Protein backbone atom coordinates (compact mmCIF):
# COMPACT_ATOMS: atom_id res chain seq x y z
CA MET A 1 7.47 19.62 28.95
CA SER A 2 8.46 20.79 25.57
CA SER A 3 7.64 18.71 22.79
CA PRO A 4 9.94 16.02 20.85
CA THR A 5 12.04 17.04 18.03
CA HIS A 6 12.20 14.41 16.76
CA PHE A 7 12.51 9.88 16.75
CA VAL A 8 14.61 7.31 16.32
CA LEU A 9 13.34 4.81 14.01
CA PRO A 10 13.42 0.69 14.26
CA ASP A 11 15.98 -0.70 12.31
CA LEU A 12 13.12 -2.32 9.78
CA LEU A 13 15.60 -3.14 7.19
CA SER A 14 17.66 -5.56 9.19
CA LEU A 15 14.79 -7.26 10.91
CA SER A 16 13.96 -7.92 7.06
CA THR A 17 16.67 -9.60 5.77
CA PRO A 18 15.06 -13.63 5.22
CA PHE A 19 12.82 -11.09 2.51
CA GLN A 20 15.31 -10.22 -0.59
CA ASP A 21 14.59 -7.14 -2.31
CA ALA A 22 14.75 -7.54 -6.05
CA THR A 23 13.40 -4.64 -8.69
CA ASN A 24 11.77 -5.52 -12.26
CA PRO A 25 14.15 -5.06 -15.20
CA HIS A 26 11.22 -3.47 -17.25
CA TRP A 27 10.78 -0.82 -14.53
CA ARG A 28 12.02 2.12 -16.58
CA ARG A 29 10.62 1.67 -19.70
CA VAL A 30 6.98 0.69 -18.23
CA ALA A 31 6.87 3.57 -15.65
CA ALA A 32 7.06 6.47 -17.99
CA GLU A 33 4.54 4.69 -20.10
CA SER A 34 2.03 4.81 -16.89
CA ARG A 35 3.03 7.76 -15.73
CA SER A 36 1.76 9.40 -19.11
CA TRP A 37 -1.23 7.07 -18.80
CA VAL A 38 -1.96 8.82 -15.55
CA ASN A 39 -1.34 12.58 -16.81
CA SER A 40 -3.61 11.89 -20.04
CA TYR A 41 -6.23 12.22 -17.48
CA GLN A 42 -5.83 15.52 -16.26
CA VAL A 43 -6.90 14.69 -12.38
CA PHE A 44 -4.50 16.73 -10.68
CA THR A 45 -3.89 20.33 -10.06
CA ASP A 46 0.29 21.51 -11.29
CA ARG A 47 0.88 21.76 -7.33
CA ARG A 48 -0.75 18.20 -6.43
CA ARG A 49 0.47 16.35 -9.43
CA ALA A 50 3.89 17.55 -8.69
CA PHE A 51 3.85 15.86 -5.11
CA PHE A 52 2.02 12.45 -7.11
CA PHE A 53 4.65 12.28 -8.85
CA GLN A 54 7.02 12.65 -6.18
CA GLY A 55 6.32 9.27 -4.89
CA GLN A 56 7.70 7.45 -7.68
CA SER A 57 5.21 5.03 -7.37
CA GLU A 58 6.02 2.79 -10.24
CA LEU A 59 9.35 2.10 -8.18
CA LEU A 60 7.18 1.11 -5.79
CA THR A 61 5.30 -1.62 -7.99
CA SER A 62 8.93 -2.44 -9.39
CA HIS A 63 10.27 -3.76 -5.79
CA CYS A 64 7.02 -5.12 -4.91
CA TYR A 65 6.26 -7.06 -8.47
CA PRO A 66 10.22 -8.06 -9.51
CA TYR A 67 9.24 -11.08 -11.05
CA ALA A 68 6.25 -9.47 -13.13
CA ASP A 69 6.23 -9.66 -17.25
CA ALA A 70 6.10 -6.31 -18.76
CA GLU A 71 2.40 -6.44 -19.77
CA GLU A 72 1.48 -7.46 -16.03
CA TYR A 73 4.07 -4.90 -14.75
CA ARG A 74 2.18 -2.25 -16.48
CA MET A 75 -0.90 -3.05 -15.30
CA CYS A 76 0.37 -3.49 -11.46
CA CYS A 77 1.63 0.61 -12.45
CA ASP A 78 -1.77 1.65 -13.65
CA PHE A 79 -3.76 -0.38 -10.81
CA ILE A 80 -1.32 0.98 -7.83
CA ASN A 81 -1.45 4.94 -9.84
CA LEU A 82 -5.43 4.42 -9.69
CA LEU A 83 -5.27 4.12 -6.41
CA PHE A 84 -2.84 6.68 -5.02
CA THR A 85 -5.29 9.05 -7.38
CA ILE A 86 -8.42 7.72 -5.07
CA ASP A 87 -6.08 8.48 -2.12
CA GLU A 88 -5.21 11.99 -3.50
CA MET A 89 -8.91 12.66 -4.23
CA SER A 90 -9.86 11.09 -0.46
CA ASP A 91 -7.80 12.73 1.71
CA GLU A 92 -8.93 16.06 0.82
CA GLN A 93 -12.76 14.82 0.78
CA ASP A 94 -15.37 15.06 3.76
CA HIS A 95 -17.58 11.23 4.35
CA ALA A 96 -20.00 12.14 1.52
CA GLY A 97 -17.01 13.38 -0.82
CA ALA A 98 -15.37 10.50 -0.52
CA LEU A 99 -18.12 8.16 -0.84
CA LEU A 100 -18.87 9.54 -4.47
CA THR A 101 -15.44 9.16 -5.29
CA GLY A 102 -15.59 5.24 -3.76
CA ASN A 103 -19.00 4.72 -5.78
CA THR A 104 -17.62 5.65 -9.16
CA TYR A 105 -14.27 3.41 -8.85
CA LEU A 106 -16.99 0.56 -7.38
CA HIS A 107 -19.86 1.09 -10.15
CA VAL A 108 -17.13 0.95 -13.05
CA LEU A 109 -15.30 -2.62 -11.80
CA ARG A 110 -18.75 -3.95 -11.52
CA ASP A 111 -20.26 -2.53 -14.52
CA PRO A 112 -18.24 -1.27 -17.61
CA SER A 113 -21.15 -0.04 -19.45
CA TRP A 114 -21.56 2.61 -16.31
CA THR A 115 -19.92 5.74 -16.05
CA ASP A 116 -20.75 9.49 -15.11
CA GLY A 117 -18.90 10.60 -17.21
CA SER A 118 -15.19 11.81 -14.16
CA LYS A 119 -12.16 10.96 -14.60
CA LEU A 120 -11.92 8.75 -12.66
CA ALA A 121 -15.05 6.19 -13.93
CA LYS A 122 -12.66 7.16 -17.13
CA MET A 123 -9.28 5.47 -15.75
CA THR A 124 -11.29 2.61 -13.65
CA ALA A 125 -13.15 1.67 -16.85
CA ASP A 126 -9.77 2.19 -18.89
CA PHE A 127 -7.72 -0.64 -16.04
CA ARG A 128 -9.97 -3.21 -15.52
CA SER A 129 -11.05 -3.65 -19.45
CA ARG A 130 -6.88 -4.48 -19.46
CA PHE A 131 -7.33 -6.48 -16.48
CA THR A 132 -9.44 -8.64 -17.32
CA ARG A 133 -8.46 -10.29 -20.15
CA LYS A 134 -6.05 -12.26 -18.05
CA ALA A 135 -7.39 -12.34 -14.58
CA MET A 136 -8.79 -15.79 -13.96
CA PRO A 137 -12.28 -15.88 -11.99
CA ASN A 138 -10.97 -16.55 -8.67
CA THR A 139 -8.69 -13.61 -8.64
CA PHE A 140 -11.04 -11.05 -10.41
CA ARG A 141 -13.88 -11.79 -7.30
CA ARG A 142 -11.70 -11.74 -4.83
CA PHE A 143 -10.35 -8.63 -6.31
CA LEU A 144 -13.64 -6.76 -6.33
CA GLU A 145 -14.11 -8.10 -2.77
CA SER A 146 -11.17 -6.46 -1.48
CA SER A 147 -11.83 -3.08 -3.36
CA GLN A 148 -15.38 -2.67 -1.69
CA ARG A 149 -14.03 -3.76 1.28
CA TYR A 150 -11.32 -0.92 0.76
CA ILE A 151 -13.56 1.45 -0.62
CA ASP A 152 -15.73 1.17 2.53
CA ARG A 153 -12.44 1.84 4.68
CA VAL A 154 -11.75 5.23 2.92
CA VAL A 155 -15.28 6.37 3.52
CA GLN A 156 -15.19 5.38 7.44
CA GLU A 157 -11.57 6.91 7.31
CA ALA A 158 -13.23 10.22 5.96
CA GLY A 159 -15.84 10.17 8.51
CA LEU A 160 -12.93 9.80 11.68
CA ARG A 161 -11.66 12.79 9.67
CA GLU A 162 -14.38 14.69 9.96
CA ARG A 163 -15.27 13.81 13.13
CA GLY A 164 -11.75 14.19 14.93
CA GLU A 165 -12.06 10.87 15.94
CA ILE A 166 -8.97 8.64 16.34
CA LEU A 167 -10.07 4.42 17.11
CA ASP A 168 -8.33 1.61 19.41
CA LEU A 169 -5.85 -0.07 18.37
CA ASP A 170 -7.74 -3.35 17.27
CA ALA A 171 -10.27 -1.24 15.61
CA TYR A 172 -7.41 0.41 13.44
CA LEU A 173 -6.00 -2.45 12.84
CA LEU A 174 -9.10 -3.69 11.27
CA LEU A 175 -9.48 -0.52 9.04
CA ARG A 176 -5.74 -0.30 8.15
CA ARG A 177 -5.64 -3.34 6.68
CA GLU A 178 -8.22 -2.29 3.69
CA ASN A 179 -7.52 1.42 3.48
CA SER A 180 -3.76 1.03 2.98
CA ALA A 181 -5.20 -1.31 -0.23
CA VAL A 182 -2.39 -2.97 0.79
CA ARG A 183 -5.12 -6.58 0.20
CA LEU A 184 -6.05 -5.18 -3.18
CA CYS A 185 -2.23 -4.84 -4.43
CA PHE A 186 -1.24 -8.73 -2.97
CA ASP A 187 -4.58 -9.32 -4.80
CA LEU A 188 -2.54 -8.51 -8.01
CA ILE A 189 -0.04 -11.10 -7.33
CA PRO A 190 -2.43 -14.17 -8.56
CA TYR A 191 -2.58 -12.24 -12.01
CA CYS A 192 1.20 -11.90 -12.42
CA LEU A 193 1.64 -15.29 -11.28
CA GLY A 194 -0.64 -16.84 -13.98
CA ILE A 195 -2.27 -18.52 -10.90
CA ASP A 196 -6.02 -18.81 -9.14
CA LEU A 197 -5.83 -19.94 -5.58
CA PRO A 198 -8.74 -22.01 -4.77
CA ASP A 199 -10.62 -21.19 -1.87
CA GLU A 200 -9.42 -23.44 1.02
CA VAL A 201 -6.29 -22.50 -0.11
CA VAL A 202 -7.27 -18.81 0.76
CA ALA A 203 -9.75 -19.57 3.69
CA ASP A 204 -6.52 -22.05 5.74
CA ALA A 205 -5.77 -20.76 8.99
CA THR A 206 -1.79 -21.61 8.09
CA PHE A 207 -2.24 -20.09 5.05
CA GLN A 208 -4.10 -16.79 6.72
CA LYS A 209 -1.50 -16.35 9.42
CA ALA A 210 1.30 -15.77 6.83
CA TYR A 211 -0.68 -13.60 4.63
CA TYR A 212 -1.43 -11.51 7.26
CA ALA A 213 1.41 -11.36 8.93
CA SER A 214 2.91 -9.86 5.44
CA VAL A 215 0.05 -7.48 4.79
CA ASP A 216 0.64 -6.00 8.50
CA MET A 217 4.24 -5.64 7.78
CA VAL A 218 3.40 -2.60 4.94
CA CYS A 219 0.66 -1.21 6.81
CA TRP A 220 2.99 -1.02 10.39
CA ALA A 221 6.30 0.14 8.19
CA ASN A 222 3.88 2.46 6.13
CA ASP A 223 2.88 4.36 8.78
CA LEU A 224 5.77 4.72 10.49
CA TYR A 225 7.81 6.00 7.62
CA SER A 226 4.99 8.22 7.05
CA TYR A 227 4.10 9.79 10.04
CA ASN A 228 5.66 12.99 9.66
CA MET A 229 4.77 13.50 6.18
CA GLU A 230 0.96 13.06 7.85
CA LEU A 231 2.00 15.09 10.90
CA ASN A 232 2.44 17.84 8.39
CA GLN A 233 -0.48 17.42 6.20
CA GLY A 234 -2.78 16.93 8.88
CA LEU A 235 -3.37 13.59 8.64
CA ALA A 236 -1.88 11.79 11.56
CA GLY A 237 -5.45 10.18 12.97
CA ASN A 238 -5.13 7.52 9.62
CA ASN A 239 -1.41 6.76 11.43
CA PHE A 240 -0.24 3.38 14.33
CA LEU A 241 1.92 5.99 15.98
CA THR A 242 -1.04 8.27 16.50
CA VAL A 243 -3.25 5.91 17.67
CA LEU A 244 -0.51 4.14 20.05
CA ILE A 245 0.05 8.35 21.35
CA GLN A 246 -3.13 8.91 22.05
CA LYS A 247 -4.72 5.41 22.84
CA GLN A 248 -1.72 3.18 24.70
CA GLY A 249 -0.50 6.66 26.18
CA MET A 250 2.89 5.80 24.61
CA ASP A 251 5.34 8.79 23.64
CA ILE A 252 6.36 9.03 20.31
CA GLN A 253 10.05 7.47 20.93
CA ARG A 254 8.24 4.56 22.42
CA ALA A 255 5.65 3.97 19.60
CA SER A 256 7.98 3.76 17.22
CA ASP A 257 9.94 1.17 19.39
CA PHE A 258 7.13 -0.63 19.98
CA VAL A 259 6.51 -0.77 15.80
CA GLY A 260 9.89 -2.43 15.51
CA GLU A 261 9.42 -5.08 18.09
CA HIS A 262 6.01 -5.89 16.62
CA TYR A 263 7.62 -6.01 13.43
CA LYS A 264 10.04 -8.51 14.43
CA ARG A 265 6.63 -10.75 15.81
CA LEU A 266 4.86 -10.69 12.18
CA MET A 267 8.18 -11.60 10.70
CA ASP A 268 8.66 -14.51 12.97
CA ASP A 269 4.32 -15.11 12.18
CA PHE A 270 4.89 -14.78 8.01
CA LEU A 271 8.75 -17.61 8.73
CA ASP A 272 6.55 -19.98 11.18
CA ALA A 273 3.73 -20.29 8.71
CA SER A 274 5.01 -20.90 5.52
CA ALA A 275 7.46 -23.30 6.84
CA HIS A 276 4.11 -25.48 8.37
CA MET A 277 1.49 -24.92 5.40
CA PRO A 278 -0.71 -27.51 4.85
CA SER A 279 -0.56 -29.81 1.53
CA PHE A 280 -3.33 -29.27 -0.55
CA GLY A 281 -2.41 -31.32 -3.48
CA PRO A 282 1.45 -30.74 -5.84
CA ALA A 283 -0.11 -28.45 -8.00
CA VAL A 284 -1.43 -26.11 -5.41
CA ASP A 285 1.19 -26.57 -3.45
CA ARG A 286 3.24 -25.39 -6.03
CA ASP A 287 0.97 -22.40 -6.41
CA VAL A 288 1.03 -21.59 -2.64
CA GLN A 289 4.45 -21.31 -2.28
CA ARG A 290 4.81 -19.38 -5.55
CA TYR A 291 2.57 -16.60 -4.03
CA LEU A 292 3.73 -16.87 -0.53
CA GLN A 293 7.51 -16.20 -2.22
CA ALA A 294 5.91 -13.00 -4.19
CA CYS A 295 4.68 -12.10 -0.74
CA THR A 296 7.73 -11.62 0.52
CA HIS A 297 8.15 -8.96 -2.12
CA TRP A 298 6.02 -6.16 -0.72
CA PRO A 299 7.20 -5.71 3.03
CA ALA A 300 11.14 -5.81 1.50
CA GLY A 301 10.38 -3.57 -1.67
CA ASN A 302 8.50 -0.87 0.76
CA LEU A 303 11.12 -0.76 2.70
CA ALA A 304 13.56 -0.39 -0.13
CA TRP A 305 11.34 2.41 -1.49
CA SER A 306 10.74 4.40 0.86
CA PHE A 307 14.03 5.67 1.40
CA GLU A 308 14.24 5.84 -2.47
CA THR A 309 11.72 8.19 -3.29
CA PRO A 310 10.84 11.52 -1.96
CA ARG A 311 7.53 11.07 -0.71
CA TYR A 312 7.89 10.41 3.10
CA PHE A 313 11.99 11.78 4.29
CA GLY A 314 11.65 15.09 1.71
CA ALA A 315 16.03 15.43 0.93
CA ARG A 316 17.00 14.07 3.67
CA ARG A 317 16.31 10.29 3.27
CA ASP A 318 19.53 9.07 2.41
CA GLU A 319 20.36 11.01 6.14
CA ILE A 320 17.73 9.76 7.54
CA LYS A 321 18.33 6.03 6.72
CA ARG A 322 21.58 6.29 7.90
CA THR A 323 21.31 7.31 11.36
CA ARG A 324 17.44 6.31 11.36
CA ILE A 325 16.73 9.92 12.71
CA VAL A 326 13.79 11.84 12.27
CA PRO A 327 13.45 15.20 12.43
CA LEU A 328 9.68 16.63 13.58
CA LYS A 329 9.36 19.39 11.09
CA PRO A 330 8.45 20.16 7.43
CA LEU A 331 9.74 18.52 4.65
CA GLU A 332 12.77 19.75 3.18
CA LEU A 333 11.47 19.25 -0.61
CA GLU A 334 13.29 18.67 -3.51
CA LYS A 335 11.77 19.47 -7.44
CA LEU A 336 11.42 15.76 -9.63
CA GLU A 337 11.11 15.82 -13.87
CA GLU A 338 7.72 14.87 -14.75
CA ASP A 339 9.03 12.38 -17.61
């Protein structure tokens, strides 16, 4: 039997019509500032830096935090650039190397006076010094907790890659929620809104249903859209489609269709939970509604950005958005000027 040459994407954009996409009005100016900030640390070789900037992470940030003021939006840009830096570094590392990278990030977040002299330590320290000026206590505590979970799972991913091991679907879902850093990015929402959700809200079952539905929509869509890129880079082991193919016995097209079906279930879960949120008092209820509304920008923004950047679909992204047909072959890349 011959190997498939392509697969057809489910129409996630149509499934996402309940969510409104938008972009941050400050994004072009702030994006240039954040890009210069990353460049100043000279973390990457020229080749890796070119690929890094092709991802246009600042544009993703613009879609996902369109409501943020300029200062808060700059912090989000810098943090997501910091995350992409850690991701690019750890993708090329074994378990021991990823652990070292992760511990550097965590040590600096917990103790700003700590340093190992690395560029990553300096980047993290600069981010932390600015983030903690406005981040409220619950928000910063949860951010630290999410950071620990993120690094734990990034290190686990490196070990799985080293051993060539593929998790089953339930185990992979738990891994992906954390190593994708989506939960970390959601921790920036209260910072941008200037709110600090109480623990009773975050622990509430209905709130968690809405929260995890929006987080999972981003994770599943990202794995679907990045599959061919990761296949070309030898990194497809960390992907829902690979799990469905190798552990559930699906072919690539059935796996793609399954993602669309599951995405619709997640959307329904989010809308249902949002409509039945319990009351925590008038003031807190207003903050909860603002938070949930902000959550909708991440699934919508991730979809829009995936077809604006060449990161996943290369120079054929407009055609693939129109036809939804993804060729399983090397990406046709394009050159982007660095600001």
